[in-house]
C-alpha atoms as a PDB file:
ATOM      1  CA  UNK A   1      -0.038   0.335   0.240  1.00  0.00           C
ATOM      2  CA  UNK A   2       1.119   3.011  -0.902  1.00  0.00           C
ATOM      3  CA  UNK A   3       2.640   5.403   2.717  1.00  0.00           C
ATOM      4  CA  UNK A   4       0.308   8.022   1.853  1.00  0.00           C
ATOM      5  CA  UNK A   5      -2.848   5.951   1.287  1.00  0.00           C
ATOM      6  CA  UNK A   6      -1.932   4.381   4.621  1.00  0.00           C
ATOM      7  CA  UNK A   7      -1.288   7.607   6.637  1.00  0.00           C
ATOM      8  CA  UNK A   8      -4.652   9.377   5.366  1.00  0.00           C
ATOM      9  CA  UNK A   9      -6.798   5.652   6.218  1.00  0.00           C
ATOM     10  CA  UNK A  10      -5.030   5.883   9.354  1.00  0.00           C
ATOM     11  CA  UNK A  11      -5.867   9.339  10.495  1.00  0.00           C
ATOM     12  CA  UNK A  12      -9.964   8.475   9.249  1.00  0.00           C
ATOM     13  CA  UNK A  13      -9.966   5.356  11.611  1.00  0.00           C
ATOM     14  CA  UNK A  14      -8.673   7.863  14.307  1.00  0.00           C
ATOM     15  CA  UNK A  15     -10.620  10.972  14.017  1.00  0.00           C
ATOM     16  CA  UNK A  16     -14.228   8.792  13.208  1.00  0.00           C
ATOM     17  CA  UNK A  17     -16.931  11.466  12.662  1.00  0.00           C
ATOM     18  CA  UNK A  18     -19.450  10.658  15.438  1.00  0.00           C
ATOM     19  CA  UNK A  19     -22.614  12.899  15.153  1.00  0.00           C
ATOM     20  CA  UNK A  20     -24.323  14.390  18.138  1.00  0.00           C
ATOM     21  CA  UNK A  21     -27.782  13.627  19.101  1.00  0.00           C
ATOM     22  CA  UNK A  22     -30.142  16.956  18.480  1.00  0.00           C
ATOM     23  CA  UNK A  23     -32.091  18.482  21.141  1.00  0.00           C
ATOM     24  CA  UNK A  24     -35.153  17.520  19.524  1.00  0.00           C
ATOM     25  CA  UNK A  25     -34.229  13.819  19.193  1.00  0.00           C
ATOM     26  CA  UNK A  26     -33.248  13.615  22.960  1.00  0.00           C
ATOM     27  CA  UNK A  27     -37.080  15.244  23.734  1.00  0.00           C
ATOM     28  CA  UNK A  28     -38.283  12.664  21.437  1.00  0.00           C
ATOM     29  CA  UNK A  29     -36.185   9.706  23.925  1.00  0.00           C
ATOM     30  CA  UNK A  30     -37.125  11.120  27.199  1.00  0.00           C
ATOM     31  CA  UNK A  31     -40.509  11.305  25.909  1.00  0.00           C
ATOM     32  CA  UNK A  32     -41.202   7.941  24.964  1.00  0.00           C
ATOM     33  CA  UNK A  33     -39.267   6.732  28.543  1.00  0.00           C
ATOM     34  CA  UNK A  34     -42.000   8.797  30.392  1.00  0.00           C
ATOM     35  CA  UNK A  35     -44.693   7.466  28.544  1.00  0.00           C
ATOM     36  CA  UNK A  36     -43.507   3.684  29.054  1.00  0.00           C
ATOM     37  CA  UNK A  37     -42.596   4.177  33.033  1.00  0.00           C
ATOM     38  CA  UNK A  38     -45.291   6.677  34.163  1.00  0.00           C
ATOM     39  CA  UNK A  39     -48.075   6.180  31.952  1.00  0.00           C
ATOM     40  CA  UNK A  40     -48.459  10.184  31.494  1.00  0.00           C
ATOM     41  CA  UNK A  41     -49.660  11.676  28.690  1.00  0.00           C
ATOM     42  CA  UNK A  42     -48.084  12.667  25.352  1.00  0.00           C
ATOM     43  CA  UNK A  43     -48.298  16.182  25.975  1.00  0.00           C
ATOM     44  CA  UNK A  44     -47.355  16.287  29.409  1.00  0.00           C
ATOM     45  CA  UNK A  45     -44.167  14.114  28.883  1.00  0.00           C
ATOM     46  CA  UNK A  46     -43.072  16.065  25.650  1.00  0.00           C
ATOM     47  CA  UNK A  47     -43.353  19.214  27.999  1.00  0.00           C
ATOM     48  CA  UNK A  48     -41.322  17.563  30.625  1.00  0.00           C
ATOM     49  CA  UNK A  49     -38.758  16.169  28.574  1.00  0.00           C
ATOM     50  CA  UNK A  50     -37.996  19.311  27.191  1.00  0.00           C
ATOM     51  CA  UNK A  51     -37.815  21.292  30.338  1.00  0.00           C
ATOM     52  CA  UNK A  52     -35.226  18.507  31.259  1.00  0.00           C
ATOM     53  CA  UNK A  53     -33.149  19.050  27.999  1.00  0.00           C
ATOM     54  CA  UNK A  54     -32.970  22.477  27.997  1.00  0.00           C
ATOM     55  CA  UNK A  55     -32.045  22.983  31.830  1.00  0.00           C
ATOM     56  CA  UNK A  56     -35.028  24.604  32.660  1.00  0.00           C
ATOM     57  CA  UNK A  57     -36.020  24.649  36.637  1.00  0.00           C
ATOM     58  CA  UNK A  58     -37.976  21.582  36.976  1.00  0.00           C
ATOM     59  CA  UNK A  59     -39.991  21.722  40.158  1.00  0.00           C
ATOM     60  CA  UNK A  60     -40.346  25.323  39.867  1.00  0.00           C
ATOM     61  CA  UNK A  61     -41.922  24.844  36.661  1.00  0.00           C
ATOM     62  CA  UNK A  62     -44.121  21.858  37.967  1.00  0.00           C
ATOM     63  CA  UNK A  63     -45.491  24.394  40.213  1.00  0.00           C
ATOM     64  CA  UNK A  64     -47.000  26.576  37.802  1.00  0.00           C
ATOM     65  CA  UNK A  65     -48.015  24.202  35.042  1.00  0.00           C
ATOM     66  CA  UNK A  66     -49.496  20.863  37.614  1.00  0.00           C
ATOM     67  CA  UNK A  67     -46.923  18.567  36.509  1.00  0.00           C
ATOM     68  CA  UNK A  68     -47.267  15.457  38.652  1.00  0.00           C
ATOM     69  CA  UNK A  69     -44.231  15.756  40.370  1.00  0.00           C
ATOM     70  CA  UNK A  70     -44.070  14.946  44.000  1.00  0.00           C
ATOM     71  CA  UNK A  71     -41.035  14.977  46.332  1.00  0.00           C
ATOM     72  CA  UNK A  72     -38.227  14.530  43.265  1.00  0.00           C
ATOM     73  CA  UNK A  73     -40.292  11.442  41.835  1.00  0.00           C
ATOM     74  CA  UNK A  74     -42.932  11.747  38.607  1.00  0.00           C
ATOM     75  CA  UNK A  75     -45.916   9.972  39.218  1.00  0.00           C
ATOM     76  CA  UNK A  76     -48.089   8.825  37.103  1.00  0.00           C
ATOM     77  CA  UNK A  77     -51.142   6.620  36.566  1.00  0.00           C
ATOM     78  CA  UNK A  78     -48.987   3.473  35.279  1.00  0.00           C
ATOM     79  CA  UNK A  79     -45.976   4.147  37.926  1.00  0.00           C
ATOM     80  CA  UNK A  80     -42.949   6.621  38.977  1.00  0.00           C
ATOM     81  CA  UNK A  81     -39.951   7.895  38.176  1.00  0.00           C
ATOM     82  CA  UNK A  82     -36.943   9.719  40.217  1.00  0.00           C
ATOM     83  CA  UNK A  83     -36.085  12.941  38.506  1.00  0.00           C
ATOM     84  CA  UNK A  84     -32.612  11.847  39.103  1.00  0.00           C
ATOM     85  CA  UNK A  85     -32.701   8.740  36.805  1.00  0.00           C
ATOM     86  CA  UNK A  86     -34.102  11.059  34.479  1.00  0.00           C
ATOM     87  CA  UNK A  87     -32.002  13.208  34.750  1.00  0.00           C
ATOM     88  CA  UNK A  88     -28.820  10.426  33.799  1.00  0.00           C
ATOM     89  CA  UNK A  89     -30.482   9.657  30.669  1.00  0.00           C
ATOM     90  CA  UNK A  90     -29.460  12.860  28.870  1.00  0.00           C
END
């Protein structure tokens, strides 16, 4: 193999491009987790996930918007999910 070609090949392998996850895809992924674990409606789950991804004050927003958050836990009709566990999924 040509020495230049081998250098280019090594450089390509070393600097392989990894695409970043967009904020919208993070919101969609977290929304699906919220819906599966807690059974929240699509709108509430999307709003909660969006607030997490964008770094908003979730407990403060929960008071204003009436989200089902009690003592750091999201409570839904089918189950509960801890806020710290949801934050670790980001």
